[in-house]
Protein backbone atom coordinates (compact mmCIF):
# COMPACT_ATOMS: atom_id res chain seq x y z
CA MET A 1 6.46 -6.71 -7.97
CA LEU A 2 5.71 -3.18 -7.62
CA ILE A 3 2.04 -3.75 -6.77
CA ASN A 4 2.71 -6.30 -4.54
CA THR A 5 5.37 -4.25 -2.58
CA LEU A 6 2.82 -1.81 -1.84
CA VAL A 7 0.03 -3.94 -1.20
CA TRP A 8 1.87 -5.96 0.78
CA GLY A 9 3.44 -3.21 2.75
CA ALA A 10 0.78 -1.60 4.51
CA ALA A 11 -0.92 -5.48 5.50
CA PHE A 12 0.81 -5.31 8.66
CA ILE A 13 -0.63 -2.15 9.48
CA ALA A 14 -4.11 -3.29 8.39
CA VAL A 15 -4.14 -6.31 10.44
CA LYS A 16 -2.78 -5.20 13.55
CA PRO A 17 -5.68 -3.65 15.21
CA SER A 18 -7.62 -6.80 14.41
CA LEU A 19 -5.43 -9.06 16.75
CA SER A 20 -6.29 -7.20 19.63
CA VAL A 21 -9.97 -8.39 19.25
CA THR A 22 -9.28 -11.91 17.54
CA THR A 23 -6.91 -14.38 16.90
CA PRO A 24 -4.54 -15.27 14.01
CA ILE A 25 -6.28 -17.59 13.74
CA ARG A 26 -9.88 -16.51 13.27
CA TYR A 27 -8.21 -13.85 11.06
CA LEU A 28 -7.02 -16.12 8.89
CA LEU A 29 -10.49 -17.72 8.58
CA TYR A 30 -12.36 -14.32 7.95
CA ARG A 31 -9.92 -13.45 5.24
CA TYR A 32 -10.27 -16.57 3.04
CA LEU A 33 -13.61 -16.70 3.85
CA PHE A 34 -14.15 -13.41 1.72
CA ALA A 35 -11.02 -14.52 -0.70
CA VAL A 36 -13.27 -17.55 -1.61
CA ILE A 37 -16.20 -15.54 -1.68
CA LEU A 38 -14.28 -12.75 -4.32
CA SER A 39 -12.87 -15.43 -6.33
CA LEU A 40 -15.22 -17.32 -7.48
CA PRO A 41 -15.91 -16.45 -10.96
CA ILE A 42 -11.91 -16.22 -11.18
CA LEU A 43 -12.13 -19.92 -10.53
CA TRP A 44 -14.86 -21.20 -12.40
CA HIS A 45 -12.93 -19.37 -15.35
CA TYR A 46 -9.56 -20.89 -15.15
CA LEU A 47 -11.63 -24.09 -14.98
CA SER A 48 -13.18 -24.00 -18.27
CA LYS A 49 -9.97 -22.82 -19.51
CA LEU A 50 -8.10 -26.11 -18.67
CA LYS A 51 -10.99 -28.01 -19.55
CA GLU A 52 -10.99 -26.97 -22.56
CA LYS A 53 -7.25 -27.67 -23.25
CA ARG A 54 -7.12 -31.51 -21.90
CA ILE A 55 -5.09 -30.34 -18.80
CA LYS A 56 -5.32 -32.75 -16.07
CA ILE A 57 -6.34 -30.74 -13.39
CA LYS A 58 -5.59 -33.45 -10.56
CA LYS A 59 -2.03 -33.58 -11.60
CA LEU A 60 -1.80 -29.44 -11.17
CA ILE A 61 -4.14 -29.89 -8.05
CA PHE A 62 -2.59 -31.98 -5.49
CA PRO A 63 1.23 -30.06 -5.80
CA ILE A 64 -0.25 -27.19 -5.17
CA ILE A 65 -2.44 -28.22 -2.39
CA TRP A 66 0.95 -29.56 -0.81
CA ILE A 67 3.06 -26.12 -1.31
CA GLU A 68 0.27 -24.08 -0.45
CA LEU A 69 -0.44 -26.05 3.47
CA LEU A 70 3.07 -24.72 3.77
CA GLY A 71 2.80 -21.24 2.50
CA THR A 72 -0.60 -20.31 3.50
CA THR A 73 -1.68 -22.54 6.75
CA LEU A 74 2.35 -22.93 8.37
CA ILE A 75 3.44 -19.61 7.54
CA LEU A 76 0.72 -17.55 7.55
CA TRP A 77 0.15 -18.25 10.94
CA MET A 78 3.68 -17.90 12.57
CA ILE A 79 3.93 -14.59 11.20
CA TYR A 80 1.07 -13.01 12.24
CA GLU A 81 0.59 -14.81 15.85
CA GLY A 82 4.18 -12.97 15.85
CA LEU A 83 2.77 -10.14 14.68
CA LYS A 84 0.29 -10.31 17.60
CA PHE A 85 3.40 -10.05 20.01
CA THR A 86 5.76 -7.13 17.99
CA SER A 87 4.60 -4.11 16.52
CA ALA A 88 3.89 -3.53 13.09
CA ILE A 89 7.30 -1.92 11.86
CA GLU A 90 9.45 -4.60 13.52
CA ALA A 91 7.57 -7.39 11.78
CA ASN A 92 7.46 -5.79 8.73
CA LEU A 93 11.39 -4.81 8.79
CA LEU A 94 11.68 -8.34 9.73
CA THR A 95 10.36 -9.40 6.50
CA MET A 96 13.41 -7.97 5.01
CA THR A 97 15.06 -10.99 5.52
CA LEU A 98 13.27 -13.03 3.02
CA PRO A 99 15.68 -12.23 0.29
CA LEU A 100 18.64 -14.04 2.63
CA PHE A 101 17.04 -17.02 2.88
CA THR A 102 15.87 -17.46 -0.40
CA ILE A 103 19.27 -17.47 -1.36
CA LEU A 104 20.43 -20.07 1.16
CA ALA A 105 17.48 -21.80 0.16
CA GLY A 106 18.70 -21.61 -3.69
CA VAL A 107 22.18 -22.90 -1.77
CA TYR A 108 21.27 -25.72 0.15
CA LEU A 109 18.07 -26.67 -2.13
CA LEU A 110 19.12 -26.14 -5.84
CA LYS A 111 22.55 -26.44 -4.93
CA GLU A 112 24.02 -23.62 -6.25
CA LYS A 113 27.59 -22.60 -5.99
CA GLN A 114 28.72 -20.10 -3.59
CA GLU A 115 31.58 -17.47 -3.89
CA HIS A 116 33.51 -15.79 -1.49
CA HIS A 117 31.98 -12.62 -2.10
CA GLU A 118 28.53 -14.25 -1.66
CA ASN A 119 29.57 -15.83 1.37
CA LEU A 120 30.85 -11.95 2.65
CA GLY A 121 27.44 -10.53 2.37
CA LEU A 122 25.38 -13.82 3.87
CA VAL A 123 27.39 -12.93 6.48
CA VAL A 124 26.66 -9.79 6.95
CA ALA A 125 23.35 -10.32 6.22
CA ILE A 126 22.90 -13.09 8.83
CA PHE A 127 24.42 -10.18 11.37
CA GLY A 128 21.85 -7.94 11.16
CA THR A 129 19.74 -10.59 11.28
CA LEU A 130 20.63 -11.33 14.51
CA LEU A 131 20.50 -7.71 15.18
CA LEU A 132 16.94 -6.69 14.35
CA THR A 133 15.56 -10.10 15.65
CA ILE A 134 17.38 -9.48 19.41
CA TYR A 135 16.95 -6.20 20.02
CA PRO A 136 14.00 -5.60 22.43
CA ALA A 137 15.85 -8.24 24.50
CA TRP A 138 18.99 -5.84 23.71
CA LYS A 139 16.75 -2.84 25.26
CA ASN A 140 16.59 -4.88 28.59
CA GLY A 141 13.04 -3.36 29.71
CA THR A 142 9.78 -4.80 30.19
CA MET A 143 7.97 -8.15 30.34
CA LEU A 144 6.29 -6.36 26.84
CA GLN A 145 9.35 -6.14 25.25
CA LEU A 146 10.61 -10.03 25.29
CA THR A 147 7.26 -10.57 24.76
CA SER A 148 8.17 -8.90 21.16
CA LEU A 149 11.09 -10.41 21.26
CA GLN A 150 9.37 -14.16 20.98
CA GLY A 151 7.34 -12.48 17.82
CA ASN A 152 10.27 -11.49 16.56
CA PHE A 153 11.69 -15.26 16.16
CA LEU A 154 8.44 -16.62 15.19
CA ILE A 155 8.33 -13.96 12.29
CA LEU A 156 11.99 -15.04 11.24
CA ALA A 157 11.13 -18.51 11.59
CA ALA A 158 8.01 -17.67 8.69
CA MET A 159 10.70 -16.03 6.71
CA LEU A 160 13.30 -18.91 6.64
CA LEU A 161 9.77 -21.37 5.62
CA SER A 162 9.07 -18.78 2.71
CA GLY A 163 12.25 -18.91 1.44
CA ILE A 164 12.04 -22.45 0.69
CA TYR A 165 8.16 -21.94 -0.34
CA TYR A 166 9.29 -19.69 -2.71
CA ILE A 167 12.09 -21.60 -4.54
CA ALA A 168 9.00 -24.64 -4.25
CA ALA A 169 6.81 -22.41 -5.81
CA LYS A 170 8.86 -21.29 -8.53
CA LYS A 171 9.96 -24.55 -9.92
CA TYR A 172 6.33 -26.03 -9.28
CA TYR A 173 4.19 -23.03 -10.79
CA ALA A 174 5.79 -22.63 -14.08
CA GLY A 175 3.19 -22.29 -17.05
CA ILE A 176 0.19 -22.67 -14.63
CA PRO A 177 -2.48 -19.63 -14.53
CA LYS A 178 -1.13 -17.45 -11.29
CA PHE A 179 -4.94 -17.18 -10.85
CA PHE A 180 -5.55 -20.05 -10.66
CA ILE A 181 -2.65 -21.23 -8.11
CA THR A 182 -4.27 -17.89 -5.89
CA THR A 183 -7.51 -18.87 -6.34
CA LEU A 184 -6.62 -22.50 -5.28
CA SER A 185 -4.55 -21.77 -2.13
CA PHE A 186 -7.51 -19.42 -0.34
CA TYR A 187 -9.80 -22.82 -0.62
CA VAL A 188 -6.39 -24.52 1.19
CA GLY A 189 -6.83 -21.37 3.60
CA LEU A 190 -10.45 -21.49 4.54
CA ILE A 191 -10.36 -25.35 5.07
CA SER A 192 -7.36 -25.97 7.35
CA PHE A 193 -8.43 -22.44 9.16
CA ALA A 194 -11.86 -23.46 9.60
CA ILE A 195 -10.45 -26.63 11.05
CA LEU A 196 -7.76 -24.87 13.22
CA ALA A 197 -10.73 -22.24 14.34
CA PHE A 198 -12.55 -25.48 15.87
CA LEU A 199 -10.02 -26.86 17.33
CA GLU A 200 -8.61 -23.58 18.96
CA THR A 201 -12.23 -23.16 20.27
CA PRO A 202 -13.96 -26.45 20.29
CA SER A 203 -17.48 -25.63 21.57
CA ILE A 204 -20.61 -23.64 20.88
CA ASP A 205 -18.14 -20.65 22.50
CA ALA A 206 -16.59 -20.51 18.95
CA ILE A 207 -20.40 -18.88 17.11
CA ASN A 208 -20.34 -16.65 20.20
CA ARG A 209 -17.08 -15.53 19.80
CA VAL A 210 -17.16 -15.23 15.91
CA SER A 211 -20.05 -13.00 16.10
CA SER A 212 -18.06 -10.75 18.58
CA ASP A 213 -15.09 -11.11 16.59
CA LEU A 214 -17.25 -9.34 13.44
CA GLN A 215 -18.98 -6.58 15.37
CA HIS A 216 -15.67 -4.68 15.64
CA PRO A 217 -14.82 -2.54 12.18
CA SER A 218 -11.12 -3.49 12.56
CA VAL A 219 -11.62 -7.27 11.82
CA TRP A 220 -13.76 -6.44 8.38
CA ILE A 221 -10.86 -4.24 7.78
CA ALA A 222 -8.18 -6.38 8.02
CA ALA A 223 -9.88 -9.58 6.44
CA GLY A 224 -11.71 -7.44 3.44
CA TYR A 225 -8.49 -5.86 2.70
CA MET A 226 -6.25 -8.79 3.19
CA ALA A 227 -8.88 -10.76 0.87
CA LEU A 228 -8.70 -8.70 -2.07
CA PHE A 229 -5.46 -6.47 -1.94
CA GLY A 230 -3.32 -9.09 0.04
CA SER A 231 -4.21 -12.24 -1.60
CA ILE A 232 -6.23 -11.95 -5.13
CA ILE A 233 -3.96 -8.93 -5.78
CA GLY A 234 -1.05 -9.01 -3.97
CA LEU A 235 -0.51 -12.59 -4.45
CA THR A 236 -0.91 -12.78 -7.99
CA ALA A 237 1.20 -10.11 -9.19
CA TYR A 238 4.12 -11.51 -6.52
CA TYR A 239 3.31 -14.96 -8.55
CA GLN A 240 3.58 -13.09 -12.31
CA GLY A 241 6.46 -11.17 -11.08
CA GLN A 242 8.57 -13.93 -9.99
CA GLU A 243 7.89 -16.14 -13.20
CA SER A 244 9.74 -13.27 -15.14
CA ILE A 245 12.66 -12.70 -12.90
CA GLU A 246 14.65 -14.54 -10.72
CA ALA A 247 13.26 -15.32 -7.44
CA SER A 248 16.11 -13.67 -5.69
CA GLU A 249 15.56 -10.43 -7.60
CA ALA A 250 12.18 -10.84 -7.00
CA SER A 251 12.74 -11.25 -3.49
CA LEU A 252 14.36 -7.38 -3.51
CA PHE A 253 11.22 -5.64 -3.96
CA THR A 254 10.67 -6.31 -0.01
CA TYR A 255 12.80 -3.51 0.57
CA LEU A 256 10.73 -1.41 -0.67
CA GLN A 257 7.90 -2.20 1.74
CA PRO A 258 9.16 -0.30 4.72
CA ALA A 259 8.86 3.15 2.40
CA VAL A 260 5.44 1.77 2.57
CA ALA A 261 5.26 0.63 6.55
CA ILE A 262 7.25 2.58 8.55
CA PRO A 263 4.85 5.90 7.50
CA LEU A 264 1.80 4.25 8.21
CA GLY A 265 2.67 3.18 11.22
CA ILE A 266 4.58 5.97 12.78
CA LEU A 267 0.83 7.90 11.50
CA LEU A 268 -1.83 5.21 12.25
CA LEU A 269 -0.78 3.22 15.00
CA GLY A 270 1.64 5.64 16.65
CA GLU A 271 4.65 2.96 16.89
CA THR A 272 8.26 4.10 16.86
CA ILE A 273 11.55 3.08 14.65
CA TYR A 274 14.63 3.03 16.77
CA PRO A 275 17.99 3.86 14.86
CA ALA A 276 19.59 0.33 15.86
CA GLN A 277 16.72 -0.99 13.57
CA LEU A 278 17.74 0.86 10.56
CA ILE A 279 21.12 -0.01 11.43
CA ALA A 280 20.23 -3.84 11.16
CA LEU A 281 18.07 -3.43 8.11
CA GLY A 282 21.15 -1.33 6.34
CA LEU A 283 23.37 -4.72 7.44
CA ILE A 284 20.79 -7.10 6.16
CA ILE A 285 19.89 -4.83 2.97
CA ILE A 286 24.09 -4.15 2.42
CA GLY A 287 24.92 -7.81 3.00
CA VAL A 288 22.06 -9.60 0.16
CA PHE A 289 23.33 -6.71 -2.15
CA VAL A 290 27.04 -8.34 -1.80
CA ALA A 291 26.10 -11.62 -2.08
CA GLU A 292 24.13 -11.37 -5.37
CA GLN A 293 26.40 -8.99 -7.28
CA ARG A 294 27.50 -11.20 -10.31
CA VAL A 295 31.18 -10.60 -10.62
């Protein structure tokens, strides 16, 4: 989980510059193209092992495909579409709401019983989430700030779906090799984003746009970093860590990501962190901490 925190903490910093020259869909297409190429030996290895154990691959593949269409295609598109409109630091702070939505998903999907302290903690965390999300409008300034508000809502919606996704992943991925799941998700991402990229620009102009994208180092850095570190290493580390501890405990490592993202965002992208945002983040952390206390 610590490995996952370190590589994902720097993710938005690596990707943000590329979104000024390409679209989120095309960036994700390049990312998964690189990931598929890099992971071919891993997929071959695990397919051979599954055949040796006489495990029916079709029974494993189809549930993974449906879950990854949610987790890889829909959620990632929403996250990076949101990142296009907001700052990398702000986007990273909004990912701190994942533990909140993981708890809520457990309550409503797994019918987990809620105690009084859990309800109190969730109320505090939800208040912090609303403060963090609407902060651009609170500043009451330019159209750029209102655009940032739109990006914040997209990322927040992605975190809501992520809570559902990680509960489903923990339930259905138990006992399946994590590298196999990760690698299969790359193919889901490659095919789905290739289709979406074609629909986004359905003409010969698409070739020119891809060629133009790949002339920018920022696109190579974003796609390469996220293919190797964000996908192959980071996602596998998350699945492996999540299998060893509870989903809500695993999501607590998310709170360490600002320790990576905030200094990098300030130093490399020249972004700013505001006191109100830190207060909102503190409310989210306190709320989830109170909700997860065992009494």
